């Protein structure tokens, strides 16, 4: 497998696409780190894993989620939740519209 080298110009292009600002020394430093990362991934890809079964979790725990119950001690009363709101209507928060109904399709 050929060695991939990430250049500082590559890093600058990636930073521009991600809208990130780099300090002067960071492009060279990140180029070296990215090159090492790609090299490590390439080395891992060379390992024969054909006899290794797929592993989806490694700690042996199964179905550890809690029961979906209402904890009344942790519930915020509606009056408390709404008391600092700028606008309310019939027990609900009033917020500006963010979806234009002319462009949405009915899903029913």
PDB file of N, CA and C in Angstrom:
ATOM      1  N   UNK A   1       0.850  -1.180   0.000  1.00  0.00           N
ATOM      2  CA  UNK A   1       0.000   0.000   0.000  1.00  0.00           C
ATOM      3  C   UNK A   1       0.893   1.239   0.000  1.00  0.00           C
ATOM      4  N   UNK A   2       0.564   2.198  -0.820  1.00  0.00           N
ATOM      5  CA  UNK A   2       1.427   3.378  -0.916  1.00  0.00           C
ATOM      6  C   UNK A   2       1.175   4.332   0.255  1.00  0.00           C
ATOM      7  N   UNK A   3       2.206   5.066   0.598  1.00  0.00           N
ATOM      8  CA  UNK A   3       2.116   6.010   1.714  1.00  0.00           C
ATOM      9  C   UNK A   3       1.423   7.295   1.259  1.00  0.00           C
ATOM     10  N   UNK A   4       0.436   7.713   2.023  1.00  0.00           N
ATOM     11  CA  UNK A   4      -0.284   8.954   1.742  1.00  0.00           C
ATOM     12  C   UNK A   4       0.330  10.051   2.591  1.00  0.00           C
ATOM     13  N   UNK A   5       0.664  11.146   1.974  1.00  0.00           N
ATOM     14  CA  UNK A   5       1.214  12.283   2.695  1.00  0.00           C
ATOM     15  C   UNK A   5       0.246  13.450   2.579  1.00  0.00           C
ATOM     16  N   UNK A   6      -0.206  13.936   3.721  1.00  0.00           N
ATOM     17  CA  UNK A   6      -1.087  15.095   3.757  1.00  0.00           C
ATOM     18  C   UNK A   6      -0.206  16.329   3.868  1.00  0.00           C
ATOM     19  N   UNK A   7      -0.357  17.257   2.946  1.00  0.00           N
ATOM     20  CA  UNK A   7       0.475  18.463   2.941  1.00  0.00           C
ATOM     21  C   UNK A   7      -0.209  19.589   3.702  1.00  0.00           C
ATOM     22  N   UNK A   8       0.549  20.620   4.005  1.00  0.00           N
ATOM     23  CA  UNK A   8      -0.035  21.779   4.684  1.00  0.00           C
ATOM     24  C   UNK A   8      -1.048  22.474   3.787  1.00  0.00           C
ATOM     25  N   UNK A   9      -0.844  22.391   2.458  1.00  0.00           N
ATOM     26  CA  UNK A   9      -1.842  22.941   1.535  1.00  0.00           C
ATOM     27  C   UNK A   9      -3.155  22.170   1.621  1.00  0.00           C
ATOM     28  N   UNK A  10      -3.062  20.841   1.782  1.00  0.00           N
ATOM     29  CA  UNK A  10      -4.269  20.025   1.965  1.00  0.00           C
ATOM     30  C   UNK A  10      -5.010  20.455   3.236  1.00  0.00           C
ATOM     31  N   UNK A  11      -4.244  20.664   4.293  1.00  0.00           N
ATOM     32  CA  UNK A  11      -4.842  21.083   5.560  1.00  0.00           C
ATOM     33  C   UNK A  11      -5.514  22.437   5.407  1.00  0.00           C
ATOM     34  N   UNK A  12      -4.887  23.349   4.706  1.00  0.00           N
ATOM     35  CA  UNK A  12      -5.473  24.677   4.497  1.00  0.00           C
ATOM     36  C   UNK A  12      -6.778  24.583   3.704  1.00  0.00           C
ATOM     37  N   UNK A  13      -6.811  23.693   2.696  1.00  0.00           N
ATOM     38  CA  UNK A  13      -8.040  23.501   1.913  1.00  0.00           C
ATOM     39  C   UNK A  13      -9.156  22.937   2.792  1.00  0.00           C
ATOM     40  N   UNK A  14      -8.819  21.945   3.617  1.00  0.00           N
ATOM     41  CA  UNK A  14      -9.803  21.344   4.516  1.00  0.00           C
ATOM     42  C   UNK A  14     -10.308  22.386   5.509  1.00  0.00           C
ATOM     43  N   UNK A  15      -9.397  23.187   6.045  1.00  0.00           N
ATOM     44  CA  UNK A  15      -9.781  24.222   7.002  1.00  0.00           C
ATOM     45  C   UNK A  15     -10.710  25.239   6.355  1.00  0.00           C
ATOM     46  N   UNK A  16     -10.426  25.591   5.112  1.00  0.00           N
ATOM     47  CA  UNK A  16     -11.283  26.546   4.406  1.00  0.00           C
ATOM     48  C   UNK A  16     -12.670  25.959   4.198  1.00  0.00           C
ATOM     49  N   UNK A  17     -12.740  24.678   3.782  1.00  0.00           N
ATOM     50  CA  UNK A  17     -14.028  24.027   3.586  1.00  0.00           C
ATOM     51  C   UNK A  17     -14.825  23.927   4.885  1.00  0.00           C
ATOM     52  N   UNK A  18     -14.106  23.740   5.993  1.00  0.00           N
ATOM     53  CA  UNK A  18     -14.755  23.623   7.296  1.00  0.00           C
ATOM     54  C   UNK A  18     -14.944  24.977   7.966  1.00  0.00           C
ATOM     55  N   UNK A  19     -14.555  26.044   7.273  1.00  0.00           N
ATOM     56  CA  UNK A  19     -14.667  27.399   7.795  1.00  0.00           C
ATOM     57  C   UNK A  19     -13.927  27.544   9.128  1.00  0.00           C
ATOM     58  N   UNK A  20     -12.706  26.999   9.170  1.00  0.00           N
ATOM     59  CA  UNK A  20     -11.865  27.081  10.357  1.00  0.00           C
ATOM     60  C   UNK A  20     -10.684  27.987  10.084  1.00  0.00           C
ATOM     61  N   UNK A  21     -10.308  28.752  11.067  1.00  0.00           N
ATOM     62  CA  UNK A  21      -9.130  29.600  10.943  1.00  0.00           C
ATOM     63  C   UNK A  21      -7.956  28.901  11.619  1.00  0.00           C
ATOM     64  N   UNK A  22      -6.842  28.832  10.911  1.00  0.00           N
ATOM     65  CA  UNK A  22      -5.653  28.188  11.444  1.00  0.00           C
ATOM     66  C   UNK A  22      -4.601  29.221  11.801  1.00  0.00           C
ATOM     67  N   UNK A  23      -3.849  28.945  12.860  1.00  0.00           N
ATOM     68  CA  UNK A  23      -2.682  29.748  13.183  1.00  0.00           C
ATOM     69  C   UNK A  23      -1.578  29.357  12.198  1.00  0.00           C
ATOM     70  N   UNK A  24      -0.551  30.169  12.096  1.00  0.00           N
ATOM     71  CA  UNK A  24       0.500  29.947  11.096  1.00  0.00           C
ATOM     72  C   UNK A  24       1.186  28.589  11.239  1.00  0.00           C
ATOM     73  N   UNK A  25       1.435  28.147  12.458  1.00  0.00           N
ATOM     74  CA  UNK A  25       2.160  26.895  12.662  1.00  0.00           C
ATOM     75  C   UNK A  25       1.255  25.665  12.631  1.00  0.00           C
ATOM     76  N   UNK A  26      -0.045  25.851  12.659  1.00  0.00           N
ATOM     77  CA  UNK A  26      -0.948  24.709  12.771  1.00  0.00           C
ATOM     78  C   UNK A  26      -1.041  23.880  11.486  1.00  0.00           C
ATOM     79  N   UNK A  27      -0.981  24.499  10.323  1.00  0.00           N
ATOM     80  CA  UNK A  27      -1.119  23.755   9.074  1.00  0.00           C
ATOM     81  C   UNK A  27      -0.029  22.685   8.955  1.00  0.00           C
ATOM     82  N   UNK A  28       1.203  23.042   9.254  1.00  0.00           N
ATOM     83  CA  UNK A  28       2.297  22.067   9.179  1.00  0.00           C
ATOM     84  C   UNK A  28       2.141  20.975  10.242  1.00  0.00           C
ATOM     85  N   UNK A  29       1.783  21.380  11.447  1.00  0.00           N
ATOM     86  CA  UNK A  29       1.623  20.414  12.544  1.00  0.00           C
ATOM     87  C   UNK A  29       0.490  19.441  12.230  1.00  0.00           C
ATOM     88  N   UNK A  30      -0.658  19.969  11.782  1.00  0.00           N
ATOM     89  CA  UNK A  30      -1.794  19.110  11.461  1.00  0.00           C
ATOM     90  C   UNK A  30      -1.496  18.214  10.265  1.00  0.00           C
ATOM     91  N   UNK A  31      -0.746  18.702   9.305  1.00  0.00           N
ATOM     92  CA  UNK A  31      -0.386  17.879   8.144  1.00  0.00           C
ATOM     93  C   UNK A  31       0.367  16.635   8.607  1.00  0.00           C
ATOM     94  N   UNK A  32       1.316  16.818   9.507  1.00  0.00           N
ATOM     95  CA  UNK A  32       2.054  15.678  10.047  1.00  0.00           C
ATOM     96  C   UNK A  32       1.153  14.726  10.814  1.00  0.00           C
ATOM     97  N   UNK A  33       0.249  15.284  11.627  1.00  0.00           N
ATOM     98  CA  UNK A  33      -0.654  14.447  12.413  1.00  0.00           C
ATOM     99  C   UNK A  33      -1.630  13.688  11.518  1.00  0.00           C
ATOM    100  N   UNK A  34      -2.160  14.348  10.483  1.00  0.00           N
ATOM    101  CA  UNK A  34      -3.069  13.679   9.556  1.00  0.00           C
ATOM    102  C   UNK A  34      -2.343  12.564   8.800  1.00  0.00           C
ATOM    103  N   UNK A  35      -1.107  12.829   8.402  1.00  0.00           N
ATOM    104  CA  UNK A  35      -0.326  11.814   7.697  1.00  0.00           C
ATOM    105  C   UNK A  35      -0.129  10.591   8.584  1.00  0.00           C
ATOM    106  N   UNK A  36       0.200  10.810   9.856  1.00  0.00           N
ATOM    107  CA  UNK A  36       0.371   9.694  10.799  1.00  0.00           C
ATOM    108  C   UNK A  36      -0.931   8.924  10.976  1.00  0.00           C
ATOM    109  N   UNK A  37      -2.055   9.648  11.040  1.00  0.00           N
ATOM    110  CA  UNK A  37      -3.358   8.997  11.218  1.00  0.00           C
ATOM    111  C   UNK A  37      -3.704   8.133  10.011  1.00  0.00           C
ATOM    112  N   UNK A  38      -3.532   8.682   8.803  1.00  0.00           N
ATOM    113  CA  UNK A  38      -3.813   7.915   7.582  1.00  0.00           C
ATOM    114  C   UNK A  38      -2.891   6.707   7.503  1.00  0.00           C
ATOM    115  N   UNK A  39      -1.632   6.867   7.877  1.00  0.00           N
ATOM    116  CA  UNK A  39      -0.680   5.756   7.868  1.00  0.00           C
ATOM    117  C   UNK A  39      -1.129   4.661   8.832  1.00  0.00           C
ATOM    118  N   UNK A  40      -1.588   5.028   9.999  1.00  0.00           N
ATOM    119  CA  UNK A  40      -2.052   4.041  10.977  1.00  0.00           C
ATOM    120  C   UNK A  40      -3.293   3.309  10.459  1.00  0.00           C
ATOM    121  N   UNK A  41      -4.210   4.023   9.840  1.00  0.00           N
ATOM    122  CA  UNK A  41      -5.403   3.390   9.274  1.00  0.00           C
ATOM    123  C   UNK A  41      -5.005   2.409   8.174  1.00  0.00           C
ATOM    124  N   UNK A  42      -4.065   2.806   7.331  1.00  0.00           N
ATOM    125  CA  UNK A  42      -3.590   1.905   6.278  1.00  0.00           C
ATOM    126  C   UNK A  42      -2.943   0.645   6.868  1.00  0.00           C
ATOM    127  N   UNK A  43      -2.193   0.811   7.940  1.00  0.00           N
ATOM    128  CA  UNK A  43      -1.572  -0.350   8.591  1.00  0.00           C
ATOM    129  C   UNK A  43      -2.639  -1.264   9.185  1.00  0.00           C
ATOM    130  N   UNK A  44      -3.676  -0.685   9.792  1.00  0.00           N
ATOM    131  CA  UNK A  44      -4.754  -1.494  10.356  1.00  0.00           C
ATOM    132  C   UNK A  44      -5.519  -2.230   9.264  1.00  0.00           C
ATOM    133  N   UNK A  45      -5.671  -1.603   8.103  1.00  0.00           N
ATOM    134  CA  UNK A  45      -6.377  -2.242   6.989  1.00  0.00           C
ATOM    135  C   UNK A  45      -5.620  -3.450   6.436  1.00  0.00           C
ATOM    136  N   UNK A  46      -4.335  -3.551   6.707  1.00  0.00           N
ATOM    137  CA  UNK A  46      -3.540  -4.676   6.234  1.00  0.00           C
ATOM    138  C   UNK A  46      -3.708  -5.922   7.104  1.00  0.00           C
ATOM    139  N   UNK A  47      -4.282  -5.786   8.271  1.00  0.00           N
ATOM    140  CA  UNK A  47      -4.447  -6.911   9.201  1.00  0.00           C
ATOM    141  C   UNK A  47      -5.566  -7.822   8.687  1.00  0.00           C
ATOM    142  N   UNK A  48      -5.298  -9.121   8.684  1.00  0.00           N
ATOM    143  CA  UNK A  48      -6.293 -10.103   8.262  1.00  0.00           C
ATOM    144  C   UNK A  48      -7.291 -10.326   9.390  1.00  0.00           C
ATOM    145  N   UNK A  49      -8.514  -9.902   9.187  1.00  0.00           N
ATOM    146  CA  UNK A  49      -9.561 -10.064  10.200  1.00  0.00           C
ATOM    147  C   UNK A  49     -10.677 -10.983   9.705  1.00  0.00           C
ATOM    148  N   UNK A  50     -10.398 -11.776   8.699  1.00  0.00           N
ATOM    149  CA  UNK A  50     -11.453 -12.619   8.115  1.00  0.00           C
ATOM    150  C   UNK A  50     -11.984 -13.660   9.096  1.00  0.00           C
ATOM    151  N   UNK A  51     -11.170 -14.105  10.050  1.00  0.00           N
ATOM    152  CA  UNK A  51     -11.618 -15.103  11.027  1.00  0.00           C
ATOM    153  C   UNK A  51     -12.124 -14.483  12.327  1.00  0.00           C
ATOM    154  N   UNK A  52     -12.210 -13.178  12.393  1.00  0.00           N
ATOM    155  CA  UNK A  52     -12.641 -12.498  13.614  1.00  0.00           C
ATOM    156  C   UNK A  52     -14.136 -12.177  13.492  1.00  0.00           C
ATOM    157  N   UNK A  53     -14.941 -12.679  14.438  1.00  0.00           N
ATOM    158  CA  UNK A  53     -16.378 -12.388  14.359  1.00  0.00           C
ATOM    159  C   UNK A  53     -16.658 -10.905  14.630  1.00  0.00           C
ATOM    160  N   UNK A  54     -17.734 -10.409  14.044  1.00  0.00           N
ATOM    161  CA  UNK A  54     -18.127  -9.019  14.253  1.00  0.00           C
ATOM    162  C   UNK A  54     -18.480  -8.795  15.717  1.00  0.00           C
ATOM    163  N   UNK A  55     -18.094  -7.665  16.251  1.00  0.00           N
ATOM    164  CA  UNK A  55     -18.376  -7.328  17.636  1.00  0.00           C
ATOM    165  C   UNK A  55     -19.165  -6.029  17.670  1.00  0.00           C
ATOM    166  N   UNK A  56     -20.311  -6.081  18.323  1.00  0.00           N
ATOM    167  CA  UNK A  56     -21.151  -4.899  18.380  1.00  0.00           C
ATOM    168  C   UNK A  56     -21.093  -4.216  19.738  1.00  0.00           C
ATOM    169  N   UNK A  57     -20.741  -4.942  20.756  1.00  0.00           N
ATOM    170  CA  UNK A  57     -20.487  -4.346  22.057  1.00  0.00           C
ATOM    171  C   UNK A  57     -19.561  -5.281  22.816  1.00  0.00           C
ATOM    172  N   UNK A  58     -18.753  -4.728  23.707  1.00  0.00           N
ATOM    173  CA  UNK A  58     -17.685  -5.526  24.306  1.00  0.00           C
ATOM    174  C   UNK A  58     -17.787  -5.688  25.820  1.00  0.00           C
ATOM    175  N   UNK A  59     -18.772  -5.097  26.454  1.00  0.00           N
ATOM    176  CA  UNK A  59     -18.796  -5.153  27.919  1.00  0.00           C
ATOM    177  C   UNK A  59     -19.725  -6.222  28.470  1.00  0.00           C
ATOM    178  N   UNK A  60     -20.460  -6.945  27.624  1.00  0.00           N
ATOM    179  CA  UNK A  60     -21.289  -8.044  28.090  1.00  0.00           C
ATOM    180  C   UNK A  60     -22.622  -7.634  28.688  1.00  0.00           C
ATOM    181  N   UNK A  61     -22.914  -6.355  28.751  1.00  0.00           N
ATOM    182  CA  UNK A  61     -24.187  -5.915  29.315  1.00  0.00           C
ATOM    183  C   UNK A  61     -25.293  -6.074  28.281  1.00  0.00           C
ATOM    184  N   UNK A  62     -26.477  -6.409  28.765  1.00  0.00           N
ATOM    185  CA  UNK A  62     -27.617  -6.557  27.867  1.00  0.00           C
ATOM    186  C   UNK A  62     -28.828  -5.873  28.459  1.00  0.00           C
ATOM    187  N   UNK A  63     -29.530  -5.095  27.645  1.00  0.00           N
ATOM    188  CA  UNK A  63     -30.776  -4.455  28.033  1.00  0.00           C
ATOM    189  C   UNK A  63     -30.655  -3.740  29.380  1.00  0.00           C
ATOM    190  N   UNK A  64     -29.784  -2.756  29.442  1.00  0.00           N
ATOM    191  CA  UNK A  64     -29.550  -2.053  30.705  1.00  0.00           C
ATOM    192  C   UNK A  64     -30.340  -0.758  30.809  1.00  0.00           C
ATOM    193  N   UNK A  65     -31.285  -0.535  29.895  1.00  0.00           N
ATOM    194  CA  UNK A  65     -32.063   0.704  29.952  1.00  0.00           C
ATOM    195  C   UNK A  65     -33.047   0.646  31.117  1.00  0.00           C
ATOM    196  N   UNK A  66     -33.369   1.791  31.628  1.00  0.00           N
ATOM    197  CA  UNK A  66     -34.272   1.869  32.775  1.00  0.00           C
ATOM    198  C   UNK A  66     -35.719   1.830  32.294  1.00  0.00           C
ATOM    199  N   UNK A  67     -36.628   1.552  33.213  1.00  0.00           N
ATOM    200  CA  UNK A  67     -38.050   1.591  32.896  1.00  0.00           C
ATOM    201  C   UNK A  67     -38.459   3.016  32.569  1.00  0.00           C
ATOM    202  N   UNK A  68     -39.349   3.156  31.617  1.00  0.00           N
ATOM    203  CA  UNK A  68     -39.832   4.466  31.200  1.00  0.00           C
ATOM    204  C   UNK A  68     -40.992   4.863  32.109  1.00  0.00           C
ATOM    205  N   UNK A  69     -40.647   5.475  33.242  1.00  0.00           N
ATOM    206  CA  UNK A  69     -41.666   5.888  34.204  1.00  0.00           C
ATOM    207  C   UNK A  69     -41.563   7.382  34.448  1.00  0.00           C
ATOM    208  N   UNK A  70     -42.672   7.979  34.853  1.00  0.00           N
ATOM    209  CA  UNK A  70     -42.719   9.406  35.139  1.00  0.00           C
ATOM    210  C   UNK A  70     -42.294   9.620  36.586  1.00  0.00           C
ATOM    211  N   UNK A  71     -41.311  10.503  36.780  1.00  0.00           N
ATOM    212  CA  UNK A  71     -40.852  10.860  38.120  1.00  0.00           C
ATOM    213  C   UNK A  71     -41.497  12.194  38.470  1.00  0.00           C
ATOM    214  N   UNK A  72     -42.579  12.142  39.215  1.00  0.00           N
ATOM    215  CA  UNK A  72     -43.344  13.354  39.522  1.00  0.00           C
ATOM    216  C   UNK A  72     -42.537  14.362  40.325  1.00  0.00           C
ATOM    217  N   UNK A  73     -41.532  13.912  41.070  1.00  0.00           N
ATOM    218  CA  UNK A  73     -40.704  14.841  41.853  1.00  0.00           C
ATOM    219  C   UNK A  73     -39.828  15.703  40.956  1.00  0.00           C
ATOM    220  N   UNK A  74     -39.545  15.223  39.745  1.00  0.00           N
ATOM    221  CA  UNK A  74     -38.676  15.970  38.829  1.00  0.00           C
ATOM    222  C   UNK A  74     -39.453  16.754  37.789  1.00  0.00           C
ATOM    223  N   UNK A  75     -40.763  16.645  37.801  1.00  0.00           N
ATOM    224  CA  UNK A  75     -41.571  17.359  36.812  1.00  0.00           C
ATOM    225  C   UNK A  75     -41.660  18.840  37.166  1.00  0.00           C
ATOM    226  N   UNK A  76     -41.557  19.671  36.150  1.00  0.00           N
ATOM    227  CA  UNK A  76     -41.683  21.108  36.319  1.00  0.00           C
ATOM    228  C   UNK A  76     -43.137  21.481  36.087  1.00  0.00           C
ATOM    229  N   UNK A  77     -43.791  22.097  37.067  1.00  0.00           N
ATOM    230  CA  UNK A  77     -45.185  22.491  36.866  1.00  0.00           C
ATOM    231  C   UNK A  77     -45.304  23.475  35.697  1.00  0.00           C
ATOM    232  N   UNK A  78     -46.400  23.396  34.971  1.00  0.00           N
ATOM    233  CA  UNK A  78     -46.588  24.227  33.783  1.00  0.00           C
ATOM    234  C   UNK A  78     -46.497  25.709  34.123  1.00  0.00           C
ATOM    235  N   UNK A  79     -47.037  26.101  35.243  1.00  0.00           N
ATOM    236  CA  UNK A  79     -46.992  27.520  35.618  1.00  0.00           C
ATOM    237  C   UNK A  79     -45.547  27.992  35.790  1.00  0.00           C
ATOM    238  N   UNK A  80     -44.714  27.158  36.381  1.00  0.00           N
ATOM    239  CA  UNK A  80     -43.307  27.519  36.590  1.00  0.00           C
ATOM    240  C   UNK A  80     -42.579  27.571  35.250  1.00  0.00           C
ATOM    241  N   UNK A  81     -42.854  26.598  34.392  1.00  0.00           N
ATOM    242  CA  UNK A  81     -42.185  26.557  33.096  1.00  0.00           C
ATOM    243  C   UNK A  81     -42.520  27.771  32.247  1.00  0.00           C
ATOM    244  N   UNK A  82     -43.740  28.259  32.343  1.00  0.00           N
ATOM    245  CA  UNK A  82     -44.200  29.348  31.480  1.00  0.00           C
ATOM    246  C   UNK A  82     -44.024  30.743  32.080  1.00  0.00           C
ATOM    247  N   UNK A  83     -43.715  30.838  33.352  1.00  0.00           N
ATOM    248  CA  UNK A  83     -43.762  32.152  33.991  1.00  0.00           C
ATOM    249  C   UNK A  83     -42.737  33.152  33.467  1.00  0.00           C
ATOM    250  N   UNK A  84     -41.617  32.725  32.913  1.00  0.00           N
ATOM    251  CA  UNK A  84     -40.610  33.639  32.381  1.00  0.00           C
ATOM    252  C   UNK A  84     -40.709  33.805  30.860  1.00  0.00           C
ATOM    253  N   UNK A  85     -41.653  33.128  30.236  1.00  0.00           N
ATOM    254  CA  UNK A  85     -41.786  33.201  28.781  1.00  0.00           C
ATOM    255  C   UNK A  85     -42.314  34.572  28.370  1.00  0.00           C
ATOM    256  N   UNK A  86     -41.820  35.085  27.258  1.00  0.00           N
ATOM    257  CA  UNK A  86     -42.286  36.374  26.759  1.00  0.00           C
ATOM    258  C   UNK A  86     -43.712  36.278  26.258  1.00  0.00           C
ATOM    259  N   UNK A  87     -44.043  35.203  25.545  1.00  0.00           N
ATOM    260  CA  UNK A  87     -45.381  35.016  25.003  1.00  0.00           C
ATOM    261  C   UNK A  87     -45.873  33.602  25.275  1.00  0.00           C
ATOM    262  N   UNK A  88     -47.114  33.498  25.732  1.00  0.00           N
ATOM    263  CA  UNK A  88     -47.748  32.199  25.924  1.00  0.00           C
ATOM    264  C   UNK A  88     -49.178  32.280  25.401  1.00  0.00           C
ATOM    265  N   UNK A  89     -49.743  31.124  25.126  1.00  0.00           N
ATOM    266  CA  UNK A  89     -51.135  31.059  24.686  1.00  0.00           C
ATOM    267  C   UNK A  89     -51.700  29.707  25.081  1.00  0.00           C
ATOM    268  N   UNK A  90     -52.744  29.713  25.855  1.00  0.00           N
ATOM    269  CA  UNK A  90     -53.434  28.488  26.279  1.00  0.00           C
ATOM    270  C   UNK A  90     -52.477  27.454  26.876  1.00  0.00           C
ATOM    271  N   UNK A  91     -51.533  27.910  27.673  1.00  0.00           N
ATOM    272  CA  UNK A  91     -50.614  27.004  28.344  1.00  0.00           C
ATOM    273  C   UNK A  91     -49.434  26.537  27.517  1.00  0.00           C
ATOM    274  N   UNK A  92     -49.168  27.196  26.373  1.00  0.00           N
ATOM    275  CA  UNK A  92     -48.050  26.828  25.514  1.00  0.00           C
ATOM    276  C   UNK A  92     -47.151  28.025  25.279  1.00  0.00           C
ATOM    277  N   UNK A  93     -45.872  27.762  24.942  1.00  0.00           N
ATOM    278  CA  UNK A  93     -44.963  28.821  24.525  1.00  0.00           C
ATOM    279  C   UNK A  93     -45.370  29.282  23.129  1.00  0.00           C
ATOM    280  N   UNK A  94     -45.273  30.570  22.869  1.00  0.00           N
ATOM    281  CA  UNK A  94     -45.497  31.102  21.531  1.00  0.00           C
ATOM    282  C   UNK A  94     -44.139  31.506  20.983  1.00  0.00           C
ATOM    283  N   UNK A  95     -43.791  30.941  19.812  1.00  0.00           N
ATOM    284  CA  UNK A  95     -42.499  31.210  19.188  1.00  0.00           C
ATOM    285  C   UNK A  95     -42.728  31.633  17.747  1.00  0.00           C
ATOM    286  N   UNK A  96     -41.754  32.328  17.142  1.00  0.00           N
ATOM    287  CA  UNK A  96     -41.909  32.716  15.741  1.00  0.00           C
ATOM    288  C   UNK A  96     -41.979  31.493  14.827  1.00  0.00           C
ATOM    289  N   UNK A  97     -42.740  31.602  13.755  1.00  0.00           N
ATOM    290  CA  UNK A  97     -42.855  30.527  12.780  1.00  0.00           C
ATOM    291  C   UNK A  97     -41.511  30.327  12.080  1.00  0.00           C
ATOM    292  N   UNK A  98     -41.093  29.078  11.954  1.00  0.00           N
ATOM    293  CA  UNK A  98     -39.832  28.786  11.283  1.00  0.00           C
ATOM    294  C   UNK A  98     -40.030  27.941  10.032  1.00  0.00           C
ATOM    295  N   UNK A  99     -41.240  27.451   9.802  1.00  0.00           N
ATOM    296  CA  UNK A  99     -41.527  26.652   8.618  1.00  0.00           C
ATOM    297  C   UNK A  99     -42.613  27.349   7.824  1.00  0.00           C
ATOM    298  N   UNK A 100     -42.353  27.535   6.541  1.00  0.00           N
ATOM    299  CA  UNK A 100     -43.339  28.147   5.664  1.00  0.00           C
ATOM    300  C   UNK A 100     -44.303  27.053   5.219  1.00  0.00           C
ATOM    301  N   UNK A 101     -45.564  27.175   5.586  1.00  0.00           N
ATOM    302  CA  UNK A 101     -46.532  26.116   5.299  1.00  0.00           C
ATOM    303  C   UNK A 101     -46.814  25.969   3.812  1.00  0.00           C
ATOM    304  N   UNK A 102     -46.506  26.969   2.982  1.00  0.00           N
ATOM    305  CA  UNK A 102     -46.728  26.845   1.543  1.00  0.00           C
ATOM    306  C   UNK A 102     -45.788  25.831   0.915  1.00  0.00           C
ATOM    307  N   UNK A 103     -44.622  25.629   1.513  1.00  0.00           N
ATOM    308  CA  UNK A 103     -43.618  24.740   0.932  1.00  0.00           C
ATOM    309  C   UNK A 103     -43.666  23.334   1.514  1.00  0.00           C
ATOM    310  N   UNK A 104     -44.435  23.131   2.562  1.00  0.00           N
ATOM    311  CA  UNK A 104     -44.466  21.803   3.177  1.00  0.00           C
ATOM    312  C   UNK A 104     -45.589  20.989   2.575  1.00  0.00           C
ATOM    313  N   UNK A 105     -45.388  19.677   2.530  1.00  0.00           N
ATOM    314  CA  UNK A 105     -46.401  18.777   2.006  1.00  0.00           C
ATOM    315  C   UNK A 105     -47.038  18.037   3.166  1.00  0.00           C
ATOM    316  N   UNK A 106     -48.268  17.684   2.997  1.00  0.00           N
ATOM    317  CA  UNK A 106     -48.971  16.914   4.011  1.00  0.00           C
ATOM    318  C   UNK A 106     -48.424  15.490   4.016  1.00  0.00           C
ATOM    319  N   UNK A 107     -48.213  14.943   5.189  1.00  0.00           N
ATOM    320  CA  UNK A 107     -47.675  13.608   5.316  1.00  0.00           C
ATOM    321  C   UNK A 107     -48.782  12.609   5.615  1.00  0.00           C
ATOM    322  N   UNK A 108     -49.981  13.089   5.758  1.00  0.00           N
ATOM    323  CA  UNK A 108     -51.103  12.208   6.129  1.00  0.00           C
ATOM    324  C   UNK A 108     -51.490  11.310   4.986  1.00  0.00           C
TER     325      UNK A 108
END
